[in-house]
N, C-alpha and C. Protein backbone atom coordinates (compact mmCIF):
# COMPACT_ATOMS: atom_id res chain seq x y z
N MET A 1 6.37 95.88 15.97
CA MET A 1 6.67 96.22 17.13
C MET A 1 6.22 97.31 18.53
N ALA A 2 6.17 96.71 19.73
CA ALA A 2 5.81 98.20 20.70
C ALA A 2 6.82 99.10 20.43
N SER A 3 6.53 100.28 20.61
CA SER A 3 7.25 101.34 20.66
C SER A 3 7.88 101.44 21.63
N GLN A 4 9.17 102.29 21.98
CA GLN A 4 9.87 101.96 23.45
C GLN A 4 9.26 103.14 24.32
N GLU A 5 9.12 102.65 25.49
CA GLU A 5 8.91 104.23 26.56
C GLU A 5 10.09 105.03 26.54
N TYR A 6 9.86 106.21 26.40
CA TYR A 6 11.17 107.19 27.13
C TYR A 6 10.36 108.21 27.99
N PRO A 7 11.05 108.31 29.61
CA PRO A 7 10.68 109.71 30.32
C PRO A 7 10.68 110.78 30.18
N ARG A 8 9.81 111.06 30.16
CA ARG A 8 9.31 112.70 30.00
C ARG A 8 9.20 113.69 31.20
N ARG A 9 9.87 114.78 30.94
CA ARG A 9 9.79 115.69 32.51
C ARG A 9 8.01 116.17 32.40
N GLN A 10 7.94 115.87 33.56
CA GLN A 10 6.28 117.02 32.89
C GLN A 10 6.69 118.59 33.34
N LYS A 11 5.43 119.31 32.86
CA LYS A 11 5.49 120.25 32.78
C LYS A 11 4.55 121.09 33.68
N PRO A 12 4.27 121.71 34.54
CA PRO A 12 3.50 121.69 35.60
C PRO A 12 2.26 122.70 34.83
N VAL A 13 1.01 122.39 35.86
CA VAL A 13 0.17 122.68 34.75
C VAL A 13 -0.09 124.18 35.24
N PRO A 14 -0.46 125.28 34.37
CA PRO A 14 -0.66 126.15 34.23
C PRO A 14 -2.27 126.92 35.17
N ALA A 15 -2.48 127.93 35.41
CA ALA A 15 -3.51 128.51 35.83
C ALA A 15 -4.90 127.61 35.36
N LEU A 16 -5.88 127.51 36.15
CA LEU A 16 -7.24 126.81 35.66
C LEU A 16 -7.70 127.32 35.21
N ARG A 17 -7.72 127.10 34.17
CA ARG A 17 -8.61 128.20 32.89
C ARG A 17 -9.24 127.34 32.68
N GLY A 18 -10.95 127.65 33.12
CA GLY A 18 -11.73 126.20 33.24
C GLY A 18 -11.86 125.88 34.20
N ALA A 19 -10.95 125.08 35.18
CA ALA A 19 -11.37 124.69 36.08
C ALA A 19 -11.48 125.40 37.66
N ALA A 20 -10.80 126.17 37.57
CA ALA A 20 -10.97 127.32 39.01
C ALA A 20 -12.21 128.10 39.06
N ASN A 21 -12.64 128.45 37.96
CA ASN A 21 -14.34 128.70 38.06
C ASN A 21 -15.28 127.94 37.64
N GLY A 22 -15.13 126.51 37.85
CA GLY A 22 -16.24 125.81 37.98
C GLY A 22 -16.82 125.12 36.70
N ARG A 23 -16.33 125.76 35.36
CA ARG A 23 -16.80 125.31 33.96
C ARG A 23 -16.08 123.80 33.61
N SER A 24 -17.20 122.94 33.72
CA SER A 24 -16.58 121.65 33.09
C SER A 24 -16.18 121.85 31.77
N PRO A 25 -15.27 120.64 31.52
CA PRO A 25 -14.02 120.73 30.22
C PRO A 25 -15.32 121.37 28.89
N SER A 26 -16.06 120.66 28.55
CA SER A 26 -17.36 120.99 27.64
C SER A 26 -17.69 122.13 27.45
N GLU A 27 -17.58 122.79 28.65
CA GLU A 27 -17.58 124.50 28.55
C GLU A 27 -16.49 125.08 28.41
N THR A 28 -15.13 124.51 28.27
CA THR A 28 -14.09 125.17 27.62
C THR A 28 -14.63 126.28 26.73
N PRO A 29 -13.70 127.50 26.57
CA PRO A 29 -13.43 127.71 25.27
C PRO A 29 -13.24 127.03 23.97
N SER A 30 -14.03 127.03 22.86
CA SER A 30 -12.81 125.89 21.71
C SER A 30 -11.98 127.19 21.38
N PRO A 31 -11.02 125.66 20.45
CA PRO A 31 -9.43 126.21 20.16
C PRO A 31 -9.49 127.86 19.14
N ARG A 32 -8.47 128.27 20.05
CA ARG A 32 -8.06 129.51 18.59
C ARG A 32 -8.26 129.08 17.53
N GLY A 33 -9.06 129.46 16.66
CA GLY A 33 -8.84 129.60 15.02
C GLY A 33 -9.94 128.47 14.45
N VAL A 34 -11.37 127.74 16.15
CA VAL A 34 -11.81 126.76 15.86
C VAL A 34 -12.92 127.16 15.74
N THR A 35 -14.34 127.97 15.18
CA THR A 35 -15.15 128.57 14.95
C THR A 35 -15.97 128.74 14.15
N ASN A 36 -17.16 128.73 14.70
CA ASN A 36 -18.60 128.59 13.49
C ASN A 36 -18.41 127.58 12.30
N TYR A 37 -18.44 125.98 13.47
CA TYR A 37 -18.42 125.13 12.88
C TYR A 37 -19.96 124.38 11.90
N ALA A 38 -19.57 123.74 11.07
CA ALA A 38 -20.49 123.26 10.09
C ALA A 38 -21.22 121.92 10.73
N PRO A 39 -22.62 121.26 10.29
CA PRO A 39 -22.86 120.40 10.94
C PRO A 39 -21.76 118.56 10.61
N SER A 40 -21.61 118.23 11.21
CA SER A 40 -20.02 117.56 11.32
C SER A 40 -21.01 115.98 11.87
N MET A 41 -19.80 115.14 11.21
CA MET A 41 -19.31 113.36 11.36
C MET A 41 -19.53 112.91 12.82
N ASP A 42 -19.89 111.73 13.25
CA ASP A 42 -20.84 111.21 14.74
C ASP A 42 -18.77 110.96 14.67
N TYR A 43 -19.17 111.52 16.22
CA TYR A 43 -17.26 111.12 16.72
C TYR A 43 -17.85 110.55 18.31
N SER A 44 -18.88 109.73 18.04
CA SER A 44 -19.71 109.16 19.68
C SER A 44 -18.78 107.58 19.66
N GLN A 45 -18.13 107.79 21.26
CA GLN A 45 -17.29 106.74 21.36
C GLN A 45 -17.71 105.23 20.73
N ASP A 46 -18.79 104.42 20.39
CA ASP A 46 -18.48 103.67 19.59
C ASP A 46 -18.19 103.61 18.08
N ARG A 47 -17.93 104.92 17.99
CA ARG A 47 -17.55 104.79 16.27
C ARG A 47 -16.14 105.05 16.38
N VAL A 48 -15.72 105.65 16.92
CA VAL A 48 -14.43 106.55 17.23
C VAL A 48 -13.20 105.65 17.87
N ALA A 49 -13.59 105.43 19.05
CA ALA A 49 -12.32 104.43 19.66
C ALA A 49 -11.29 103.61 19.19
N ASP A 50 -12.28 102.42 18.81
CA ASP A 50 -11.65 101.54 18.35
C ASP A 50 -10.79 101.80 17.07
N PRO A 51 -11.01 102.40 15.78
CA PRO A 51 -11.08 102.64 14.39
C PRO A 51 -9.64 103.65 14.87
N MET A 52 -9.09 104.28 15.56
CA MET A 52 -8.21 104.67 16.15
C MET A 52 -7.43 104.25 16.52
N ILE A 53 -7.64 102.99 17.31
CA ILE A 53 -6.55 102.26 17.36
C ILE A 53 -6.47 101.25 17.11
N PHE A 54 -6.91 100.79 16.01
CA PHE A 54 -6.68 100.02 14.84
C PHE A 54 -5.59 100.60 13.69
N THR A 55 -6.45 101.79 13.40
CA THR A 55 -5.35 102.64 12.14
C THR A 55 -4.41 102.50 12.63
N ASN A 56 -4.06 103.45 13.77
CA ASN A 56 -2.35 103.55 14.68
C ASN A 56 -1.68 102.28 14.77
N GLU A 57 -2.31 101.54 15.09
CA GLU A 57 -1.22 100.07 14.88
C GLU A 57 -1.54 99.36 13.92
N GLN A 58 -2.23 99.47 12.66
CA GLN A 58 -2.12 98.75 11.44
C GLN A 58 -0.72 99.79 10.67
N MET A 59 -0.89 101.10 10.83
CA MET A 59 -0.19 101.93 9.80
C MET A 59 1.55 101.75 10.62
N ASN A 60 1.40 101.58 11.72
CA ASN A 60 2.81 101.11 12.41
C ASN A 60 3.36 100.17 12.16
N ASP A 61 2.47 98.90 11.64
CA ASP A 61 3.05 97.36 10.47
C ASP A 61 3.07 97.70 9.04
N PHE A 62 2.75 99.00 8.51
CA PHE A 62 3.14 99.48 7.25
C PHE A 62 3.96 99.34 6.16
N LYS A 63 4.88 98.85 5.69
CA LYS A 63 6.48 99.04 4.90
C LYS A 63 6.79 100.76 4.80
N ALA A 64 5.99 100.92 3.76
CA ALA A 64 5.63 102.61 3.72
C ALA A 64 6.28 103.60 4.45
N LYS A 65 6.86 104.14 3.56
CA LYS A 65 7.63 105.59 4.77
C LYS A 65 6.56 106.93 4.54
N THR A 66 5.62 106.60 3.79
CA THR A 66 4.23 107.24 3.86
C THR A 66 3.34 107.16 4.10
N VAL A 67 2.53 108.05 4.55
CA VAL A 67 0.95 107.76 3.71
C VAL A 67 0.43 107.21 2.48
N LEU A 68 0.33 106.70 1.55
CA LEU A 68 -0.09 106.20 0.36
C LEU A 68 -1.13 105.40 -0.02
N LYS A 69 -1.64 105.89 -1.07
CA LYS A 69 -2.99 105.48 -1.77
C LYS A 69 -3.20 103.73 -1.12
N GLU A 70 -2.04 102.85 -1.28
CA GLU A 70 -2.21 101.61 -0.70
C GLU A 70 -2.17 101.23 0.73
N ALA A 71 -1.58 102.43 1.47
CA ALA A 71 -1.89 102.28 3.21
C ALA A 71 -3.31 102.62 3.45
N VAL A 72 -3.84 103.73 2.89
CA VAL A 72 -5.37 103.27 2.73
C VAL A 72 -5.87 102.57 2.65
N ASP A 73 -6.11 102.19 1.53
CA ASP A 73 -6.98 101.01 1.02
C ASP A 73 -6.43 99.65 2.32
N ALA A 74 -5.63 99.11 2.22
CA ALA A 74 -5.45 98.21 3.28
C ALA A 74 -5.49 98.25 4.71
N VAL A 75 -5.46 99.21 4.98
CA VAL A 75 -5.83 99.51 6.66
C VAL A 75 -7.65 99.82 6.91
N VAL A 76 -8.04 99.81 5.60
CA VAL A 76 -9.21 100.31 5.63
C VAL A 76 -10.59 98.89 5.08
N ASN A 77 -9.62 98.16 4.61
CA ASN A 77 -10.03 96.73 4.19
C ASN A 77 -10.00 96.15 5.50
N SER A 78 -9.01 96.26 6.07
CA SER A 78 -7.98 95.42 7.08
C SER A 78 -9.29 95.29 8.34
N PHE A 79 -9.75 96.83 8.14
CA PHE A 79 -10.60 97.13 9.54
C PHE A 79 -11.77 96.62 9.01
N ALA A 80 -12.35 96.65 8.12
CA ALA A 80 -13.95 96.46 7.68
C ALA A 80 -13.82 94.92 7.78
N LYS A 81 -13.04 93.85 7.42
CA LYS A 81 -12.91 92.51 7.32
C LYS A 81 -13.01 92.17 8.66
N HIS A 82 -12.78 93.18 9.76
CA HIS A 82 -12.29 92.51 11.15
C HIS A 82 -13.46 93.04 11.77
N THR A 83 -14.48 94.10 11.60
CA THR A 83 -15.03 94.45 12.67
C THR A 83 -16.39 94.36 12.11
N HIS A 84 -17.27 94.77 12.83
CA HIS A 84 -18.93 95.27 12.35
C HIS A 84 -19.70 97.07 12.87
N GLY A 85 -20.28 96.84 12.25
CA GLY A 85 -21.10 98.15 13.41
C GLY A 85 -20.41 99.42 12.98
N TYR A 86 -19.57 99.41 11.63
CA TYR A 86 -19.19 100.70 11.66
C TYR A 86 -19.70 101.02 10.42
N GLY A 87 -20.15 100.47 9.36
CA GLY A 87 -21.11 101.30 8.26
C GLY A 87 -20.19 101.30 7.18
N ARG A 88 -20.14 101.93 6.11
CA ARG A 88 -19.81 101.78 4.69
C ARG A 88 -18.28 102.36 4.85
N ALA A 89 -17.32 101.95 3.83
CA ALA A 89 -16.29 103.08 4.39
C ALA A 89 -16.41 104.24 2.87
N ASP A 90 -17.28 104.23 1.97
CA ASP A 90 -17.54 105.30 0.86
C ASP A 90 -18.10 106.14 1.23
N ASN A 91 -19.36 106.10 2.76
CA ASN A 91 -20.01 106.94 3.67
C ASN A 91 -19.19 107.72 4.55
N PRO A 92 -18.58 109.11 4.32
CA PRO A 92 -17.88 109.74 5.31
C PRO A 92 -18.61 110.02 6.45
N ASN A 93 -20.06 110.03 6.31
CA ASN A 93 -20.78 110.05 7.58
C ASN A 93 -20.76 108.47 8.95
N THR A 94 -20.20 107.38 8.47
CA THR A 94 -20.04 106.13 9.39
C THR A 94 -18.78 106.38 9.47
N GLY A 95 -18.36 105.16 10.79
CA GLY A 95 -17.08 105.42 11.40
C GLY A 95 -15.67 105.20 10.77
N ILE A 96 -16.21 104.09 9.67
CA ILE A 96 -14.88 103.94 8.85
C ILE A 96 -14.57 104.97 7.85
N GLY A 97 -15.69 105.42 7.48
CA GLY A 97 -15.94 106.39 6.54
C GLY A 97 -15.10 107.63 6.74
N ALA A 98 -15.09 107.96 7.94
CA ALA A 98 -14.58 109.55 9.11
C ALA A 98 -13.19 108.79 8.57
N PHE A 99 -12.50 107.48 8.83
CA PHE A 99 -11.47 107.58 9.35
C PHE A 99 -10.40 107.33 7.70
N ARG A 100 -11.16 106.72 6.88
CA ARG A 100 -11.24 107.21 5.46
C ARG A 100 -10.43 108.22 4.81
N PHE A 101 -11.34 108.92 5.22
CA PHE A 101 -11.19 110.58 5.18
C PHE A 101 -10.22 111.05 5.69
N MET A 102 -9.74 110.58 7.15
CA MET A 102 -8.43 111.33 7.25
C MET A 102 -7.38 110.40 7.09
N LEU A 103 -7.51 109.48 6.75
CA LEU A 103 -6.58 108.99 5.97
C LEU A 103 -6.39 109.19 4.61
N GLU A 104 -6.92 109.63 4.06
CA GLU A 104 -6.79 110.27 2.80
C GLU A 104 -6.30 111.87 2.50
N ALA A 105 -6.97 111.68 3.83
CA ALA A 105 -6.37 113.94 4.18
C ALA A 105 -4.42 113.84 4.62
N ASN A 106 -4.30 112.93 4.83
CA ASN A 106 -3.33 113.13 5.35
C ASN A 106 -2.46 112.03 4.37
N ARG A 107 -2.27 111.48 3.16
CA ARG A 107 -1.36 111.32 1.98
C ARG A 107 -0.47 112.45 2.62
N GLY A 108 0.67 111.47 2.10
CA GLY A 108 2.18 112.06 2.28
C GLY A 108 2.69 112.38 3.07
N ARG A 109 2.13 112.93 3.93
CA ARG A 109 2.80 113.18 5.43
C ARG A 109 3.73 111.78 5.49
N THR A 110 4.29 111.39 6.28
CA THR A 110 5.24 110.56 7.15
C THR A 110 4.52 109.79 7.85
N MET A 111 4.55 108.30 7.93
CA MET A 111 3.78 107.43 8.94
C MET A 111 4.21 107.96 10.57
N LEU A 112 5.30 108.18 10.81
CA LEU A 112 4.98 108.73 11.92
C LEU A 112 4.21 110.01 12.33
N GLU A 113 4.80 110.97 11.12
CA GLU A 113 3.63 112.29 11.61
C GLU A 113 2.35 112.05 11.30
N PHE A 114 1.57 110.64 10.50
CA PHE A 114 0.06 110.52 11.03
C PHE A 114 0.03 109.66 11.80
N GLN A 115 0.71 109.03 12.47
CA GLN A 115 0.47 107.91 13.80
C GLN A 115 0.23 109.22 15.02
N GLU A 116 1.24 109.87 15.27
CA GLU A 116 0.85 111.16 15.93
C GLU A 116 -0.11 112.01 16.01
N LEU A 117 -0.99 112.24 14.67
CA LEU A 117 -2.11 112.53 14.64
C LEU A 117 -3.19 111.84 15.03
N MET A 118 -2.60 110.57 15.20
CA MET A 118 -3.83 109.59 15.11
C MET A 118 -3.72 109.59 16.59
N THR A 119 -2.81 109.41 17.35
CA THR A 119 -2.74 109.57 19.11
C THR A 119 -3.43 110.64 19.20
N VAL A 120 -3.09 111.72 18.27
CA VAL A 120 -3.57 113.00 19.77
C VAL A 120 -5.36 113.05 19.39
N PHE A 121 -5.79 112.56 17.77
CA PHE A 121 -7.10 112.41 18.36
C PHE A 121 -7.60 111.19 19.04
N GLN A 122 -6.86 109.88 19.32
CA GLN A 122 -7.25 109.08 20.45
C GLN A 122 -7.47 109.89 21.92
N LEU A 123 -6.41 110.60 21.95
CA LEU A 123 -6.67 111.28 23.27
C LEU A 123 -7.69 112.37 23.71
N LEU A 124 -8.02 113.07 22.32
CA LEU A 124 -9.18 113.92 22.11
C LEU A 124 -10.33 113.71 22.41
N HIS A 125 -10.54 112.34 21.64
CA HIS A 125 -11.71 111.19 22.03
C HIS A 125 -11.51 111.09 23.62
N TRP A 126 -10.80 110.38 23.68
CA TRP A 126 -10.82 109.40 25.61
C TRP A 126 -11.05 111.24 26.32
N ASN A 127 -10.78 112.09 26.20
CA ASN A 127 -10.52 113.10 27.06
C ASN A 127 -11.77 114.36 26.79
N GLY A 128 -12.64 113.64 26.08
CA GLY A 128 -13.94 114.62 25.64
C GLY A 128 -14.02 115.36 25.14
N SER A 129 -12.74 115.79 24.39
CA SER A 129 -12.92 117.17 23.57
C SER A 129 -13.42 116.90 22.02
N LEU A 130 -13.55 115.75 21.76
CA LEU A 130 -14.15 115.63 20.21
C LEU A 130 -15.67 115.30 20.34
N LYS A 131 -16.15 115.01 22.00
CA LYS A 131 -17.94 115.55 21.93
C LYS A 131 -18.04 116.27 21.87
N ALA A 132 -17.01 117.21 22.79
CA ALA A 132 -17.85 118.57 22.98
C ALA A 132 -17.78 119.74 21.59
N MET A 133 -16.98 119.11 20.63
CA MET A 133 -16.44 119.84 19.36
C MET A 133 -17.67 119.33 18.01
N ARG A 134 -18.49 117.75 18.55
CA ARG A 134 -19.13 117.30 18.13
C ARG A 134 -20.72 118.26 18.07
N GLU A 135 -20.55 118.74 20.31
CA GLU A 135 -22.04 119.44 20.14
C GLU A 135 -21.94 121.49 19.74
N ARG A 136 -20.63 121.32 19.46
CA ARG A 136 -20.54 122.60 18.89
C ARG A 136 -20.90 122.59 17.56
N ASN A 137 -20.78 121.59 16.71
CA ASN A 137 -21.12 121.28 15.05
C ASN A 137 -19.91 121.88 14.42
N CYS A 138 -18.87 121.17 15.16
CA CYS A 138 -17.52 121.58 14.32
C CYS A 138 -17.94 120.01 13.39
N SER A 139 -16.86 120.96 11.79
CA SER A 139 -16.91 120.10 11.06
C SER A 139 -15.75 118.90 11.14
N ARG A 140 -15.73 117.87 10.53
CA ARG A 140 -14.97 117.13 10.27
C ARG A 140 -13.37 117.48 10.06
N GLN A 141 -13.56 118.51 8.48
CA GLN A 141 -12.90 119.02 7.91
C GLN A 141 -11.94 120.47 8.60
N GLU A 142 -12.60 121.08 9.78
CA GLU A 142 -12.07 121.61 10.51
C GLU A 142 -11.80 121.46 11.86
N VAL A 143 -12.03 120.57 12.32
CA VAL A 143 -10.98 119.73 13.69
C VAL A 143 -10.22 119.68 13.17
N LEU A 144 -10.06 118.26 11.53
CA LEU A 144 -8.92 117.77 11.60
C LEU A 144 -7.45 118.83 10.87
N ALA A 145 -8.43 119.93 9.94
CA ALA A 145 -6.90 120.80 9.55
C ALA A 145 -7.02 121.71 10.61
N HIS A 146 -7.62 121.87 11.89
CA HIS A 146 -6.84 122.56 13.54
C HIS A 146 -5.81 121.92 14.35
N TYR A 147 -6.04 120.50 14.41
CA TYR A 147 -5.47 119.43 15.03
C TYR A 147 -3.74 118.88 14.23
N SER A 148 -4.03 118.76 12.81
CA SER A 148 -3.12 118.87 12.06
C SER A 148 -2.04 119.28 12.02
N HIS A 149 -2.08 120.54 12.73
CA HIS A 149 -0.88 121.33 12.71
C HIS A 149 -0.90 121.61 14.50
N ARG A 150 -1.29 120.23 15.43
CA ARG A 150 -0.74 120.94 16.82
C ARG A 150 0.22 120.11 17.05
N ALA A 151 0.82 119.62 17.93
CA ALA A 151 2.27 118.78 18.25
C ALA A 151 1.19 118.27 19.79
N LEU A 152 1.45 116.60 20.29
CA LEU A 152 1.42 117.07 20.93
C LEU A 152 2.63 116.77 22.17
N ASP A 153 3.10 118.18 22.37
CA ASP A 153 3.40 118.45 23.71
C ASP A 153 2.98 119.09 24.55
N ASP A 154 3.49 119.29 25.85
CA ASP A 154 3.84 119.48 27.19
C ASP A 154 2.36 120.36 26.98
N ASP A 155 2.10 121.49 26.22
CA ASP A 155 0.87 122.68 26.35
C ASP A 155 -0.74 121.48 25.95
N MET A 156 -0.33 120.59 25.02
CA MET A 156 -1.56 119.96 25.02
C MET A 156 -1.73 119.54 26.35
N ARG A 157 -0.62 118.38 26.82
CA ARG A 157 -0.97 117.36 27.67
C ARG A 157 -1.82 117.90 29.18
N SER A 158 -0.65 119.51 29.31
CA SER A 158 -0.96 120.27 30.24
C SER A 158 -2.59 121.00 30.26
N GLN A 159 -3.11 120.70 29.14
CA GLN A 159 -4.64 121.14 28.68
C GLN A 159 -5.82 120.43 28.78
N MET A 160 -5.65 118.65 29.05
CA MET A 160 -6.23 117.44 29.00
C MET A 160 -6.28 117.17 30.72
N ALA A 161 -4.72 117.71 31.17
CA ALA A 161 -4.97 117.19 32.54
C ALA A 161 -5.67 118.75 33.08
N LEU A 162 -5.88 120.07 33.03
CA LEU A 162 -6.94 120.66 33.00
C LEU A 162 -8.48 119.89 33.19
N ASP A 163 -8.17 119.61 32.00
CA ASP A 163 -9.53 118.83 32.07
C ASP A 163 -9.97 118.23 33.35
N TRP A 164 -9.05 117.20 33.41
CA TRP A 164 -9.35 115.98 34.76
C TRP A 164 -9.02 116.69 36.09
N ILE A 165 -8.72 117.42 36.51
CA ILE A 165 -9.02 117.88 37.24
C ILE A 165 -10.46 119.34 37.23
N ALA A 166 -10.57 119.57 36.66
CA ALA A 166 -12.37 120.10 36.43
C ALA A 166 -13.29 119.21 36.73
N ARG A 167 -13.02 117.73 36.36
CA ARG A 167 -13.99 117.09 36.14
C ARG A 167 -13.39 116.04 37.23
N GLU A 168 -12.37 116.50 38.07
CA GLU A 168 -12.21 115.82 39.46
C GLU A 168 -13.14 116.56 41.05
N GLN A 169 -13.35 117.67 40.53
CA GLN A 169 -13.78 118.77 41.26
C GLN A 169 -15.13 118.49 41.50
N GLU A 170 -16.17 117.99 40.52
CA GLU A 170 -17.48 117.19 40.78
C GLU A 170 -17.46 115.70 40.79
N ALA A 171 -16.57 114.91 40.49
CA ALA A 171 -16.37 113.85 41.13
C ALA A 171 -15.30 113.60 41.69
N HIS A 172 -15.05 113.60 42.92
CA HIS A 172 -14.16 113.06 43.51
C HIS A 172 -13.64 111.87 43.51
N GLY A 173 -12.04 111.77 43.16
CA GLY A 173 -11.62 110.44 43.16
C GLY A 173 -11.25 109.99 41.84
N ILE A 174 -12.27 110.80 40.96
CA ILE A 174 -12.26 109.56 39.26
C ILE A 174 -10.58 110.12 38.61
N ILE A 175 -9.58 110.65 38.89
CA ILE A 175 -8.67 111.16 38.82
C ILE A 175 -7.98 109.48 38.93
N ALA A 176 -7.86 109.13 39.97
CA ALA A 176 -6.97 108.70 40.54
C ALA A 176 -7.62 106.45 40.12
N LYS A 177 -8.97 106.72 40.13
CA LYS A 177 -9.47 106.08 39.84
C LYS A 177 -9.01 105.49 37.85
N GLU A 178 -8.86 106.65 37.51
CA GLU A 178 -8.97 106.63 35.52
C GLU A 178 -7.59 105.67 35.88
N LEU A 179 -6.60 106.49 36.48
CA LEU A 179 -5.15 106.33 36.69
C LEU A 179 -4.95 104.74 37.17
N VAL A 180 -5.30 104.71 37.99
CA VAL A 180 -5.57 102.69 37.70
C VAL A 180 -5.71 102.27 36.93
N ILE A 181 -6.47 102.40 36.03
CA ILE A 181 -7.48 101.80 34.71
C ILE A 181 -6.52 102.13 33.69
N ALA A 182 -5.76 103.37 33.93
CA ALA A 182 -4.25 103.38 32.64
C ALA A 182 -3.17 102.58 32.59
N GLU A 183 -3.13 102.61 33.83
CA GLU A 183 -1.86 101.86 33.88
C GLU A 183 -2.24 100.30 33.70
N LYS A 184 -2.94 99.65 34.28
CA LYS A 184 -3.39 98.37 33.74
C LYS A 184 -3.49 98.21 32.17
N GLU A 185 -3.58 99.44 31.45
CA GLU A 185 -4.18 99.40 30.14
C GLU A 185 -2.88 99.42 29.22
N LEU A 186 -2.23 99.82 29.82
CA LEU A 186 -0.85 100.44 28.98
C LEU A 186 0.18 98.84 29.62
N GLU A 187 -0.13 98.14 30.98
CA GLU A 187 0.76 97.12 31.06
C GLU A 187 0.24 96.00 30.38
N THR A 188 -0.90 95.69 29.81
CA THR A 188 -1.59 94.53 29.13
C THR A 188 -1.27 95.22 27.32
N ALA A 189 -1.04 96.00 27.10
CA ALA A 189 -0.72 96.63 25.91
C ALA A 189 0.82 96.46 25.86
N ARG A 190 1.56 96.45 26.88
CA ARG A 190 3.29 95.86 26.69
C ARG A 190 2.90 94.38 26.39
N LEU A 191 2.63 93.91 27.26
CA LEU A 191 2.52 92.17 27.37
C LEU A 191 2.57 91.86 26.32
N ALA A 192 1.29 92.61 25.27
CA ALA A 192 0.51 92.05 23.97
C ALA A 192 1.51 92.36 22.55
N GLY A 193 2.45 93.61 22.90
CA GLY A 193 2.96 93.69 22.08
C GLY A 193 2.88 94.59 21.14
N ARG A 194 1.48 95.85 21.59
CA ARG A 194 0.47 96.77 20.99
C ARG A 194 1.41 97.62 20.65
N GLU A 195 1.10 98.80 20.28
CA GLU A 195 1.68 100.30 20.29
C GLU A 195 1.59 100.35 21.57
N LEU A 196 1.96 101.60 22.32
CA LEU A 196 1.92 101.48 23.72
C LEU A 196 1.80 103.59 23.66
N ARG A 197 1.94 104.06 22.60
CA ARG A 197 2.27 105.79 22.89
C ARG A 197 0.93 106.36 23.54
N PHE A 198 -0.74 105.81 23.04
CA PHE A 198 -1.28 106.00 23.74
C PHE A 198 -1.52 105.93 24.83
N PHE A 199 -1.57 104.42 25.38
CA PHE A 199 -1.86 104.22 26.24
C PHE A 199 -0.64 105.02 27.18
N LYS A 200 0.28 105.10 26.99
CA LYS A 200 1.49 106.32 28.08
C LYS A 200 1.16 107.41 28.26
N GLU A 201 0.54 108.12 27.01
CA GLU A 201 0.41 109.74 26.46
C GLU A 201 -1.49 109.47 28.16
N LYS A 202 -2.08 108.21 28.27
CA LYS A 202 -3.42 108.92 28.95
C LYS A 202 -2.89 108.70 30.90
N ARG A 203 -2.32 107.61 30.82
CA ARG A 203 -1.34 107.30 31.76
C ARG A 203 -0.57 109.12 32.60
N ASP A 204 0.12 109.51 31.42
CA ASP A 204 1.15 110.75 31.67
C ASP A 204 0.02 111.47 32.21
N ILE A 205 -0.75 112.16 31.54
CA ILE A 205 -2.21 112.78 31.60
C ILE A 205 -2.80 113.23 33.15
N LEU A 206 -3.33 111.80 33.26
CA LEU A 206 -3.73 111.72 34.96
C LEU A 206 -2.58 111.68 35.60
N ALA A 207 -1.54 111.27 35.75
CA ALA A 207 -0.36 111.21 36.74
C ALA A 207 -0.25 113.40 36.50
N LEU A 208 -0.41 113.53 35.79
CA LEU A 208 0.02 115.02 35.56
C LEU A 208 -1.08 115.86 36.30
N ALA A 209 -2.57 115.42 36.53
CA ALA A 209 -3.30 115.99 36.93
C ALA A 209 -3.69 115.76 38.01
N LEU A 210 -3.05 114.82 38.52
CA LEU A 210 -3.09 113.92 40.22
C LEU A 210 -2.09 114.92 40.62
N SER A 211 -1.55 115.13 40.24
CA SER A 211 0.20 115.75 41.22
C SER A 211 -0.04 117.25 41.66
N GLN A 212 -0.99 117.44 40.60
CA GLN A 212 -1.47 119.20 40.89
C GLN A 212 -2.35 119.11 42.02
N ILE A 213 -3.14 117.72 42.21
CA ILE A 213 -4.14 118.03 43.51
C ILE A 213 -4.00 117.15 44.44
N GLY A 214 -2.73 116.74 44.32
CA GLY A 214 -2.34 115.59 45.66
C GLY A 214 -1.19 115.32 45.97
N PRO A 215 -0.90 114.92 47.03
CA PRO A 215 0.53 114.71 47.83
C PRO A 215 1.34 113.93 46.50
N ALA A 216 2.54 114.17 46.42
CA ALA A 216 3.49 113.93 45.72
C ALA A 216 3.60 111.82 45.74
N GLU A 217 3.16 111.41 46.97
CA GLU A 217 3.11 110.14 47.37
C GLU A 217 1.99 109.59 46.24
N SER A 218 1.07 110.49 46.37
CA SER A 218 -0.19 109.48 45.65
C SER A 218 0.24 109.09 44.29
N LEU A 219 1.25 109.40 43.55
CA LEU A 219 1.35 108.84 41.91
C LEU A 219 2.29 107.86 42.33
N ALA A 220 2.67 107.19 43.71
CA ALA A 220 3.70 106.24 43.40
C ALA A 220 2.76 104.38 43.43
């Protein structure tokens, strides 16, 4: 079943760290405690976005209350059966292998905790943060270890909104354009009975960013 939306009060975006001085999102400093990386897995768009959405939704349907080996195998096998081009599941350098690693690393956590983590990584990919980490040679182990303990909260949303405000300075109108797309994606997912969390978070982050650069009526 699709998750139910609940209204969330938005937190004002803090001072524009990175945006005010003209830096692009990929030039913002690394997260605290995430430095000195080794060469890593491929976070490229064609290998990351679809497995994340697929895995999150498959886990939503799995009956177990925690991430078990059976759940890992079921999700990986199902994904491999329905997709092509993501490589072998036993190769950690492929898209599907990277997500097996993520599943294995989270065995024992509750499904809700795991789904929250998957949503965080979906947003990091969409926001360009994973690409920036790849360019800084972040290893998947260190990225996963860092974000496994980060909650998807107002602070994270505000930081992502700041990235979009920085993009707006370089490409005027991009936030409004992306917000229209995000709203359409959310409605499509709702009508299809899909998991809504990722699509709703995208919309809320973009709406938060837009509220900081334009009049309130632009969100109507």
